[in-house]
Every structure is written in structure tokens, then in C-alpha cells.
PDB file of all heavy atoms in Angstrom:
ATOM      1  N   ASN A   1     -32.667 172.309   9.735  1.00  0.00           N
ATOM      2  CA  ASN A   1     -32.847 173.747   9.901  1.00  0.00           C
ATOM      3  C   ASN A   1     -32.815 174.160  11.372  1.00  0.00           C
ATOM      4  O   ASN A   1     -33.359 173.464  12.228  1.00  0.00           O
ATOM      5  CB  ASN A   1     -34.185 174.180   9.289  1.00  0.00           C
ATOM      6  CG  ASN A   1     -33.986 175.095   8.127  1.00  0.00           C
ATOM      7  OD1 ASN A   1     -32.885 175.439   7.767  1.00  0.00           O
ATOM      8  ND2 ASN A   1     -35.095 175.484   7.516  1.00  0.00           N
ATOM      9  N   ASN A   2     -32.178 175.287  11.648  1.00  0.00           N
ATOM     10  CA  ASN A   2     -32.117 175.905  12.977  1.00  0.00           C
ATOM     11  C   ASN A   2     -31.498 175.011  14.045  1.00  0.00           C
ATOM     12  O   ASN A   2     -31.877 175.067  15.196  1.00  0.00           O
ATOM     13  CB  ASN A   2     -33.509 176.390  13.401  1.00  0.00           C
ATOM     14  CG  ASN A   2     -34.010 177.475  12.483  1.00  0.00           C
ATOM     15  OD1 ASN A   2     -33.279 178.415  12.169  1.00  0.00           O
ATOM     16  ND2 ASN A   2     -35.244 177.346  12.031  1.00  0.00           N
ATOM     17  N   ARG A   3     -30.531 174.225  13.681  1.00  0.00           N
ATOM     18  CA  ARG A   3     -29.773 173.394  14.636  1.00  0.00           C
ATOM     19  C   ARG A   3     -28.354 173.953  14.734  1.00  0.00           C
ATOM     20  O   ARG A   3     -27.376 173.223  14.578  1.00  0.00           O
ATOM     21  CB  ARG A   3     -29.738 171.934  14.186  1.00  0.00           C
ATOM     22  CG  ARG A   3     -31.085 171.275  13.995  1.00  0.00           C
ATOM     23  CD  ARG A   3     -31.718 170.937  15.347  1.00  0.00           C
ATOM     24  NE  ARG A   3     -32.821 170.010  15.237  1.00  0.00           N
ATOM     25  CZ  ARG A   3     -34.068 170.355  14.982  1.00  0.00           C
ATOM     26  NH1 ARG A   3     -34.385 171.602  14.768  1.00  0.00           N
ATOM     27  NH2 ARG A   3     -35.020 169.441  14.941  1.00  0.00           N
ATOM     28  N   GLN A   4     -28.249 175.241  15.000  1.00  0.00           N
ATOM     29  CA  GLN A   4     -26.956 175.927  14.964  1.00  0.00           C
ATOM     30  C   GLN A   4     -25.953 175.338  15.954  1.00  0.00           C
ATOM     31  O   GLN A   4     -24.789 175.161  15.614  1.00  0.00           O
ATOM     32  CB  GLN A   4     -27.130 177.428  15.192  1.00  0.00           C
ATOM     33  CG  GLN A   4     -28.020 178.125  14.181  1.00  0.00           C
ATOM     34  CD  GLN A   4     -27.650 177.840  12.738  1.00  0.00           C
ATOM     35  OE1 GLN A   4     -26.504 177.669  12.388  1.00  0.00           O
ATOM     36  NE2 GLN A   4     -28.661 177.759  11.882  1.00  0.00           N
ATOM     37  N   LEU A   5     -26.384 175.043  17.170  1.00  0.00           N
ATOM     38  CA  LEU A   5     -25.469 174.484  18.168  1.00  0.00           C
ATOM     39  C   LEU A   5     -24.889 173.153  17.692  1.00  0.00           C
ATOM     40  O   LEU A   5     -23.690 172.898  17.833  1.00  0.00           O
ATOM     41  CB  LEU A   5     -26.176 174.304  19.514  1.00  0.00           C
ATOM     42  CG  LEU A   5     -25.312 173.708  20.630  1.00  0.00           C
ATOM     43  CD1 LEU A   5     -24.105 174.605  20.917  1.00  0.00           C
ATOM     44  CD2 LEU A   5     -26.139 173.505  21.885  1.00  0.00           C
ATOM     45  N   PHE A   6     -25.719 172.319  17.095  1.00  0.00           N
ATOM     46  CA  PHE A   6     -25.263 171.040  16.553  1.00  0.00           C
ATOM     47  C   PHE A   6     -24.162 171.272  15.519  1.00  0.00           C
ATOM     48  O   PHE A   6     -23.118 170.623  15.550  1.00  0.00           O
ATOM     49  CB  PHE A   6     -26.454 170.291  15.929  1.00  0.00           C
ATOM     50  CG  PHE A   6     -26.060 169.055  15.179  1.00  0.00           C
ATOM     51  CD1 PHE A   6     -25.689 167.904  15.850  1.00  0.00           C
ATOM     52  CD2 PHE A   6     -26.060 169.048  13.787  1.00  0.00           C
ATOM     53  CE1 PHE A   6     -25.329 166.762  15.149  1.00  0.00           C
ATOM     54  CE2 PHE A   6     -25.700 167.910  13.084  1.00  0.00           C
ATOM     55  CZ  PHE A   6     -25.333 166.765  13.775  1.00  0.00           C
ATOM     56  N   PHE A   7     -24.390 172.215  14.587  1.00  0.00           N
ATOM     57  CA  PHE A   7     -23.412 172.478  13.532  1.00  0.00           C
ATOM     58  C   PHE A   7     -22.130 173.093  14.088  1.00  0.00           C
ATOM     59  O   PHE A   7     -21.043 172.804  13.597  1.00  0.00           O
ATOM     60  CB  PHE A   7     -24.013 173.369  12.445  1.00  0.00           C
ATOM     61  CG  PHE A   7     -25.102 172.696  11.668  1.00  0.00           C
ATOM     62  CD1 PHE A   7     -26.375 173.228  11.637  1.00  0.00           C
ATOM     63  CD2 PHE A   7     -24.858 171.522  10.977  1.00  0.00           C
ATOM     64  CE1 PHE A   7     -27.389 172.603  10.931  1.00  0.00           C
ATOM     65  CE2 PHE A   7     -25.867 170.886  10.263  1.00  0.00           C
ATOM     66  CZ  PHE A   7     -27.133 171.427  10.252  1.00  0.00           C
ATOM     67  N   VAL A   8     -22.242 173.925  15.102  1.00  0.00           N
ATOM     68  CA  VAL A   8     -21.054 174.509  15.733  1.00  0.00           C
ATOM     69  C   VAL A   8     -20.223 173.397  16.380  1.00  0.00           C
ATOM     70  O   VAL A   8     -18.994 173.363  16.231  1.00  0.00           O
ATOM     71  CB  VAL A   8     -21.434 175.603  16.751  1.00  0.00           C
ATOM     72  CG1 VAL A   8     -20.256 175.981  17.630  1.00  0.00           C
ATOM     73  CG2 VAL A   8     -21.983 176.833  16.031  1.00  0.00           C
ATOM     74  N   LEU A   9     -20.879 172.492  17.070  1.00  0.00           N
ATOM     75  CA  LEU A   9     -20.159 171.375  17.710  1.00  0.00           C
ATOM     76  C   LEU A   9     -19.495 170.474  16.669  1.00  0.00           C
ATOM     77  O   LEU A   9     -18.350 170.048  16.851  1.00  0.00           O
ATOM     78  CB  LEU A   9     -21.110 170.569  18.593  1.00  0.00           C
ATOM     79  CG  LEU A   9     -21.616 171.291  19.842  1.00  0.00           C
ATOM     80  CD1 LEU A   9     -22.656 170.439  20.562  1.00  0.00           C
ATOM     81  CD2 LEU A   9     -20.476 171.645  20.771  1.00  0.00           C
ATOM     82  N   ILE A  10     -20.185 170.202  15.576  1.00  0.00           N
ATOM     83  CA  ILE A  10     -19.603 169.387  14.503  1.00  0.00           C
ATOM     84  C   ILE A  10     -18.373 170.099  13.923  1.00  0.00           C
ATOM     85  O   ILE A  10     -17.329 169.480  13.708  1.00  0.00           O
ATOM     86  CB  ILE A  10     -20.641 169.102  13.390  1.00  0.00           C
ATOM     87  CG1 ILE A  10     -21.756 168.204  13.918  1.00  0.00           C
ATOM     88  CG2 ILE A  10     -19.995 168.504  12.152  1.00  0.00           C
ATOM     89  CD1 ILE A  10     -21.316 166.819  14.326  1.00  0.00           C
ATOM     90  N   ALA A  11     -18.498 171.410  13.675  1.00  0.00           N
ATOM     91  CA  ALA A  11     -17.374 172.182  13.124  1.00  0.00           C
ATOM     92  C   ALA A  11     -16.183 172.166  14.079  1.00  0.00           C
ATOM     93  O   ALA A  11     -15.033 172.039  13.640  1.00  0.00           O
ATOM     94  CB  ALA A  11     -17.804 173.614  12.830  1.00  0.00           C
ATOM     95  N   LEU A  12     -16.446 172.278  15.367  1.00  0.00           N
ATOM     96  CA  LEU A  12     -15.358 172.237  16.351  1.00  0.00           C
ATOM     97  C   LEU A  12     -14.676 170.869  16.357  1.00  0.00           C
ATOM     98  O   LEU A  12     -13.444 170.787  16.411  1.00  0.00           O
ATOM     99  CB  LEU A  12     -15.883 172.580  17.743  1.00  0.00           C
ATOM    100  CG  LEU A  12     -16.197 174.042  17.992  1.00  0.00           C
ATOM    101  CD1 LEU A  12     -16.878 174.225  19.347  1.00  0.00           C
ATOM    102  CD2 LEU A  12     -14.943 174.895  17.906  1.00  0.00           C
ATOM    103  N   CYS A  13     -15.457 169.806  16.286  1.00  0.00           N
ATOM    104  CA  CYS A  13     -14.881 168.453  16.270  1.00  0.00           C
ATOM    105  C   CYS A  13     -14.057 168.218  15.008  1.00  0.00           C
ATOM    106  O   CYS A  13     -12.934 167.698  15.086  1.00  0.00           O
ATOM    107  CB  CYS A  13     -15.987 167.400  16.372  1.00  0.00           C
ATOM    108  SG  CYS A  13     -16.789 167.349  17.985  1.00  0.00           S
ATOM    109  N   ILE A  14     -14.596 168.594  13.872  1.00  0.00           N
ATOM    110  CA  ILE A  14     -13.868 168.418  12.606  1.00  0.00           C
ATOM    111  C   ILE A  14     -12.578 169.224  12.624  1.00  0.00           C
ATOM    112  O   ILE A  14     -11.514 168.732  12.251  1.00  0.00           O
ATOM    113  CB  ILE A  14     -14.760 168.821  11.411  1.00  0.00           C
ATOM    114  CG1 ILE A  14     -15.872 167.792  11.226  1.00  0.00           C
ATOM    115  CG2 ILE A  14     -13.936 168.983  10.135  1.00  0.00           C
ATOM    116  CD1 ILE A  14     -16.948 168.218  10.253  1.00  0.00           C
ATOM    117  N   SER A  15     -12.668 170.478  13.074  1.00  0.00           N
ATOM    118  CA  SER A  15     -11.480 171.340  13.122  1.00  0.00           C
ATOM    119  C   SER A  15     -10.443 170.784  14.092  1.00  0.00           C
ATOM    120  O   SER A  15      -9.248 170.765  13.778  1.00  0.00           O
ATOM    121  CB  SER A  15     -11.867 172.764  13.536  1.00  0.00           C
ATOM    122  OG  SER A  15     -12.728 173.328  12.591  1.00  0.00           O
ATOM    123  N   ALA A  16     -10.888 170.339  15.259  1.00  0.00           N
ATOM    124  CA  ALA A  16      -9.956 169.788  16.249  1.00  0.00           C
ATOM    125  C   ALA A  16      -9.233 168.563  15.693  1.00  0.00           C
ATOM    126  O   ALA A  16      -8.018 168.426  15.857  1.00  0.00           O
ATOM    127  CB  ALA A  16     -10.706 169.432  17.534  1.00  0.00           C
ATOM    128  N   PHE A  17      -9.966 167.694  15.010  1.00  0.00           N
ATOM    129  CA  PHE A  17      -9.337 166.502  14.422  1.00  0.00           C
ATOM    130  C   PHE A  17      -8.340 166.897  13.333  1.00  0.00           C
ATOM    131  O   PHE A  17      -7.225 166.365  13.287  1.00  0.00           O
ATOM    132  CB  PHE A  17     -10.392 165.539  13.866  1.00  0.00           C
ATOM    133  CG  PHE A  17      -9.778 164.315  13.252  1.00  0.00           C
ATOM    134  CD1 PHE A  17      -9.213 163.331  14.051  1.00  0.00           C
ATOM    135  CD2 PHE A  17      -9.740 164.157  11.873  1.00  0.00           C
ATOM    136  CE1 PHE A  17      -8.625 162.200  13.490  1.00  0.00           C
ATOM    137  CE2 PHE A  17      -9.159 163.032  11.301  1.00  0.00           C
ATOM    138  CZ  PHE A  17      -8.596 162.055  12.113  1.00  0.00           C
ATOM    139  N   ALA A  18      -8.720 167.827  12.458  1.00  0.00           N
ATOM    140  CA  ALA A  18      -7.819 168.254  11.386  1.00  0.00           C
ATOM    141  C   ALA A  18      -6.573 168.937  11.951  1.00  0.00           C
ATOM    142  O   ALA A  18      -5.469 168.747  11.435  1.00  0.00           O
ATOM    143  CB  ALA A  18      -8.551 169.174  10.409  1.00  0.00           C
ATOM    144  N   ILE A  19      -6.736 169.705  13.010  1.00  0.00           N
ATOM    145  CA  ILE A  19      -5.584 170.358  13.663  1.00  0.00           C
ATOM    146  C   ILE A  19      -4.680 169.290  14.282  1.00  0.00           C
ATOM    147  O   ILE A  19      -3.446 169.357  14.171  1.00  0.00           O
ATOM    148  CB  ILE A  19      -6.053 171.384  14.712  1.00  0.00           C
ATOM    149  CG1 ILE A  19      -6.684 172.588  14.004  1.00  0.00           C
ATOM    150  CG2 ILE A  19      -4.895 171.822  15.607  1.00  0.00           C
ATOM    151  CD1 ILE A  19      -7.451 173.524  14.928  1.00  0.00           C
ATOM    152  N   TYR A  20      -5.288 168.294  14.924  1.00  0.00           N
ATOM    153  CA  TYR A  20      -4.515 167.196  15.519  1.00  0.00           C
ATOM    154  C   TYR A  20      -3.686 166.478  14.444  1.00  0.00           C
ATOM    155  O   TYR A  20      -2.487 166.248  14.616  1.00  0.00           O
ATOM    156  CB  TYR A  20      -5.469 166.221  16.219  1.00  0.00           C
ATOM    157  CG  TYR A  20      -4.794 164.981  16.744  1.00  0.00           C
ATOM    158  CD1 TYR A  20      -4.088 165.008  17.940  1.00  0.00           C
ATOM    159  CD2 TYR A  20      -4.878 163.776  16.051  1.00  0.00           C
ATOM    160  CE1 TYR A  20      -3.463 163.869  18.427  1.00  0.00           C
ATOM    161  CE2 TYR A  20      -4.261 162.633  16.524  1.00  0.00           C
ATOM    162  CZ  TYR A  20      -3.556 162.680  17.720  1.00  0.00           C
ATOM    163  OH  TYR A  20      -2.934 161.560  18.192  1.00  0.00           O
ATOM    164  N   VAL A  21      -4.335 166.145  13.330  1.00  0.00           N
ATOM    165  CA  VAL A  21      -3.637 165.460  12.237  1.00  0.00           C
ATOM    166  C   VAL A  21      -2.510 166.343  11.717  1.00  0.00           C
ATOM    167  O   VAL A  21      -1.368 165.891  11.560  1.00  0.00           O
ATOM    168  CB  VAL A  21      -4.604 165.079  11.096  1.00  0.00           C
ATOM    169  CG1 VAL A  21      -3.845 164.594   9.867  1.00  0.00           C
ATOM    170  CG2 VAL A  21      -5.586 164.014  11.568  1.00  0.00           C
ATOM    171  N   TYR A  22      -2.817 167.612  11.459  1.00  0.00           N
ATOM    172  CA  TYR A  22      -1.813 168.530  10.913  1.00  0.00           C
ATOM    173  C   TYR A  22      -0.600 168.610  11.845  1.00  0.00           C
ATOM    174  O   TYR A  22       0.548 168.547  11.403  1.00  0.00           O
ATOM    175  CB  TYR A  22      -2.413 169.924  10.717  1.00  0.00           C
ATOM    176  CG  TYR A  22      -1.510 170.840   9.924  1.00  0.00           C
ATOM    177  CD1 TYR A  22      -1.753 171.067   8.578  1.00  0.00           C
ATOM    178  CD2 TYR A  22      -0.405 171.448  10.497  1.00  0.00           C
ATOM    179  CE1 TYR A  22      -0.924 171.889   7.829  1.00  0.00           C
ATOM    180  CE2 TYR A  22       0.433 172.262   9.763  1.00  0.00           C
ATOM    181  CZ  TYR A  22       0.169 172.484   8.433  1.00  0.00           C
ATOM    182  OH  TYR A  22       1.007 173.282   7.704  1.00  0.00           O
ATOM    183  N   ALA A  23      -0.854 168.772  13.133  1.00  0.00           N
ATOM    184  CA  ALA A  23       0.233 168.939  14.100  1.00  0.00           C
ATOM    185  C   ALA A  23       1.097 167.687  14.226  1.00  0.00           C
ATOM    186  O   ALA A  23       2.276 167.778  14.539  1.00  0.00           O
ATOM    187  CB  ALA A  23      -0.347 169.314  15.463  1.00  0.00           C
ATOM    188  N   ARG A  24       0.515 166.527  13.969  1.00  0.00           N
ATOM    189  CA  ARG A  24       1.258 165.268  14.117  1.00  0.00           C
ATOM    190  C   ARG A  24       1.887 164.782  12.817  1.00  0.00           C
ATOM    191  O   ARG A  24       2.661 163.814  12.842  1.00  0.00           O
ATOM    192  CB  ARG A  24       0.335 164.197  14.695  1.00  0.00           C
ATOM    193  CG  ARG A  24      -0.116 164.614  16.098  1.00  0.00           C
ATOM    194  CD  ARG A  24      -0.527 163.532  16.990  1.00  0.00           C
ATOM    195  NE  ARG A  24       0.229 162.319  16.968  1.00  0.00           N
ATOM    196  CZ  ARG A  24       0.992 161.887  17.974  1.00  0.00           C
ATOM    197  NH1 ARG A  24       1.137 162.621  19.040  1.00  0.00           N
ATOM    198  NH2 ARG A  24       1.597 160.724  17.897  1.00  0.00           N
ATOM    199  N   LEU A  25       1.583 165.425  11.700  1.00  0.00           N
ATOM    200  CA  LEU A  25       2.167 164.997  10.429  1.00  0.00           C
ATOM    201  C   LEU A  25       3.689 165.102  10.475  1.00  0.00           C
ATOM    202  O   LEU A  25       4.223 166.117  10.929  1.00  0.00           O
ATOM    203  CB  LEU A  25       1.649 165.856   9.275  1.00  0.00           C
ATOM    204  CG  LEU A  25       0.245 165.569   8.781  1.00  0.00           C
ATOM    205  CD1 LEU A  25      -0.229 166.661   7.830  1.00  0.00           C
ATOM    206  CD2 LEU A  25       0.183 164.210   8.102  1.00  0.00           C
ATOM    207  N   PRO A  26       4.382 164.070  10.032  1.00  0.00           N
ATOM    208  CA  PRO A  26       5.847 164.145   9.978  1.00  0.00           C
ATOM    209  C   PRO A  26       6.286 165.255   9.024  1.00  0.00           C
ATOM    210  O   PRO A  26       5.580 165.587   8.069  1.00  0.00           O
ATOM    211  CB  PRO A  26       6.250 162.773   9.430  1.00  0.00           C
ATOM    212  CG  PRO A  26       5.095 161.884   9.721  1.00  0.00           C
ATOM    213  CD  PRO A  26       3.881 162.756   9.629  1.00  0.00           C
TER     214      PRO A  26
END
């Protein structure tokens, strides 16, 4: 509870990884 910064950072990391994978997909 109330760890908003932690969750924002996790969301940014997950999104960045998914964007990286998407951009590199053949």
C-alpha cells in the first residue's frame, strides 16, 4: 500500500522491455 513510486518504476521498466521486444520483433 502507498508505494506509488515503486509501482510507477515497475510499470516503466515493464513497458520499456515490452517496447524493446516489440521494436525488435522480425
